[in-house]
Amino acid sequence: MMITHYDFLAMNEAEQYEAVWKGTFLGDRREAGLWIQCYSLESFYVEVYYDADANRLERIRSFTKIDQLAPYLGPGN
């Protein structure tokens, strides 16, 4: 079943995290002491913010614009 960005936004946080693990991992980066992992789900993207020191998921953010993938492209994007 295809999940849309609107479907994802309507989910509660636990359902969103479950959906992310079915997506395609694109890359990760560090920012403000957190690991941020990016996943592709159908026609949108999701970032999962993880605090490795505390071993907990901090937040989740979804977006549809590909220009927001720039932080994962490395130097000189």
C-alpha atoms as a PDB file:
ATOM      1  CA  MET A   1       0.000   0.000   0.000  1.00  0.00           C
ATOM      2  CA  MET A   2       1.345   3.392  -0.992  1.00  0.00           C
ATOM      3  CA  ILE A   3       1.613   5.919   1.796  1.00  0.00           C
ATOM      4  CA  THR A   4       1.227   9.596   0.943  1.00  0.00           C
ATOM      5  CA  HIS A   5       2.743  12.513   2.786  1.00  0.00           C
ATOM      6  CA  TYR A   6      -0.746  13.437   4.005  1.00  0.00           C
ATOM      7  CA  ASP A   7      -1.263   9.891   5.332  1.00  0.00           C
ATOM      8  CA  PHE A   8       2.051  10.159   7.155  1.00  0.00           C
ATOM      9  CA  LEU A   9       1.169  13.518   8.708  1.00  0.00           C
ATOM     10  CA  ALA A  10      -2.136  12.067   9.961  1.00  0.00           C
ATOM     11  CA  MET A  11      -0.331   9.257  11.827  1.00  0.00           C
ATOM     12  CA  ASN A  12       0.627   9.469  15.468  1.00  0.00           C
ATOM     13  CA  GLU A  13       4.343   9.548  16.282  1.00  0.00           C
ATOM     14  CA  ALA A  14       4.633   5.799  16.949  1.00  0.00           C
ATOM     15  CA  GLU A  15       3.004   5.016  13.589  1.00  0.00           C
ATOM     16  CA  GLN A  16       5.324   7.480  11.845  1.00  0.00           C
ATOM     17  CA  TYR A  17       8.423   5.802  13.279  1.00  0.00           C
ATOM     18  CA  GLU A  18       7.071   2.401  12.219  1.00  0.00           C
ATOM     19  CA  ALA A  19       6.488   3.684   8.670  1.00  0.00           C
ATOM     20  CA  VAL A  20      10.000   5.155   8.445  1.00  0.00           C
ATOM     21  CA  TRP A  21      11.677   1.795   9.026  1.00  0.00           C
ATOM     22  CA  LYS A  22       9.936   0.527   5.873  1.00  0.00           C
ATOM     23  CA  GLY A  23      11.459   3.359   3.840  1.00  0.00           C
ATOM     24  CA  THR A  24      14.795   3.559   2.042  1.00  0.00           C
ATOM     25  CA  PHE A  25      17.743   4.910   4.027  1.00  0.00           C
ATOM     26  CA  LEU A  26      19.435   7.767   2.133  1.00  0.00           C
ATOM     27  CA  GLY A  27      22.100   9.029   4.508  1.00  0.00           C
ATOM     28  CA  ASP A  28      22.911  10.561   7.840  1.00  0.00           C
ATOM     29  CA  ARG A  29      24.574  13.629   9.285  1.00  0.00           C
ATOM     30  CA  ARG A  30      25.378  15.189  12.658  1.00  0.00           C
ATOM     31  CA  GLU A  31      23.960  18.470  13.849  1.00  0.00           C
ATOM     32  CA  ALA A  32      23.759  20.030  17.318  1.00  0.00           C
ATOM     33  CA  GLY A  33      24.929  16.779  18.944  1.00  0.00           C
ATOM     34  CA  LEU A  34      22.254  14.663  17.232  1.00  0.00           C
ATOM     35  CA  TRP A  35      22.445  12.087  14.470  1.00  0.00           C
ATOM     36  CA  ILE A  36      19.919  12.820  11.752  1.00  0.00           C
ATOM     37  CA  GLN A  37      19.011   9.979   9.414  1.00  0.00           C
ATOM     38  CA  CYS A  38      17.142  10.599   6.193  1.00  0.00           C
ATOM     39  CA  TYR A  39      14.743   8.116   4.589  1.00  0.00           C
ATOM     40  CA  SER A  40      12.726   8.128   1.386  1.00  0.00           C
ATOM     41  CA  LEU A  41       9.096   7.009   1.640  1.00  0.00           C
ATOM     42  CA  GLU A  42       7.238   6.915  -1.660  1.00  0.00           C
ATOM     43  CA  SER A  43       7.032  10.599  -2.733  1.00  0.00           C
ATOM     44  CA  PHE A  44       8.410  12.316   0.374  1.00  0.00           C
ATOM     45  CA  TYR A  45      11.310  12.247   2.802  1.00  0.00           C
ATOM     46  CA  VAL A  46      11.622  11.829   6.553  1.00  0.00           C
ATOM     47  CA  GLU A  47      14.379  12.836   8.941  1.00  0.00           C
ATOM     48  CA  VAL A  48      14.745  10.995  12.246  1.00  0.00           C
ATOM     49  CA  TYR A  49      16.651  12.888  14.956  1.00  0.00           C
ATOM     50  CA  TYR A  50      18.516  10.570  17.328  1.00  0.00           C
ATOM     51  CA  ASP A  51      20.440  11.419  20.508  1.00  0.00           C
ATOM     52  CA  ALA A  52      23.128   8.726  20.710  1.00  0.00           C
ATOM     53  CA  ASP A  53      24.326   9.822  24.161  1.00  0.00           C
ATOM     54  CA  ALA A  54      20.850   9.400  25.659  1.00  0.00           C
ATOM     55  CA  ASN A  55      19.984   6.519  23.273  1.00  0.00           C
ATOM     56  CA  ARG A  56      16.616   7.987  22.321  1.00  0.00           C
ATOM     57  CA  LEU A  57      14.733   9.260  19.319  1.00  0.00           C
ATOM     58  CA  GLU A  58      14.233  12.999  19.682  1.00  0.00           C
ATOM     59  CA  ARG A  59      11.910  13.919  16.849  1.00  0.00           C
ATOM     60  CA  ILE A  60      10.800  13.216  13.323  1.00  0.00           C
ATOM     61  CA  ARG A  61      10.372  15.644  10.414  1.00  0.00           C
ATOM     62  CA  SER A  62       8.938  15.040   6.968  1.00  0.00           C
ATOM     63  CA  PHE A  63       9.240  17.093   3.798  1.00  0.00           C
ATOM     64  CA  THR A  64       8.549  16.905   0.075  1.00  0.00           C
ATOM     65  CA  LYS A  65      10.987  19.385  -1.471  1.00  0.00           C
ATOM     66  CA  ILE A  66      14.172  17.752  -2.764  1.00  0.00           C
ATOM     67  CA  ASP A  67      16.224  20.889  -2.085  1.00  0.00           C
ATOM     68  CA  GLN A  68      15.966  19.964   1.607  1.00  0.00           C
ATOM     69  CA  LEU A  69      18.184  16.955   0.842  1.00  0.00           C
ATOM     70  CA  ALA A  70      21.164  19.303   0.343  1.00  0.00           C
ATOM     71  CA  PRO A  71      22.693  18.598   3.797  1.00  0.00           C
ATOM     72  CA  TYR A  72      23.117  14.944   2.751  1.00  0.00           C
ATOM     73  CA  LEU A  73      24.947  15.702  -0.471  1.00  0.00           C
ATOM     74  CA  GLY A  74      28.245  16.651   1.144  1.00  0.00           C
ATOM     75  CA  PRO A  75      30.555  19.625   0.529  1.00  0.00           C
ATOM     76  CA  GLY A  76      29.938  21.759  -2.494  1.00  0.00           C
ATOM     77  CA  ASN A  77      26.342  20.634  -2.992  1.00  0.00           C
END
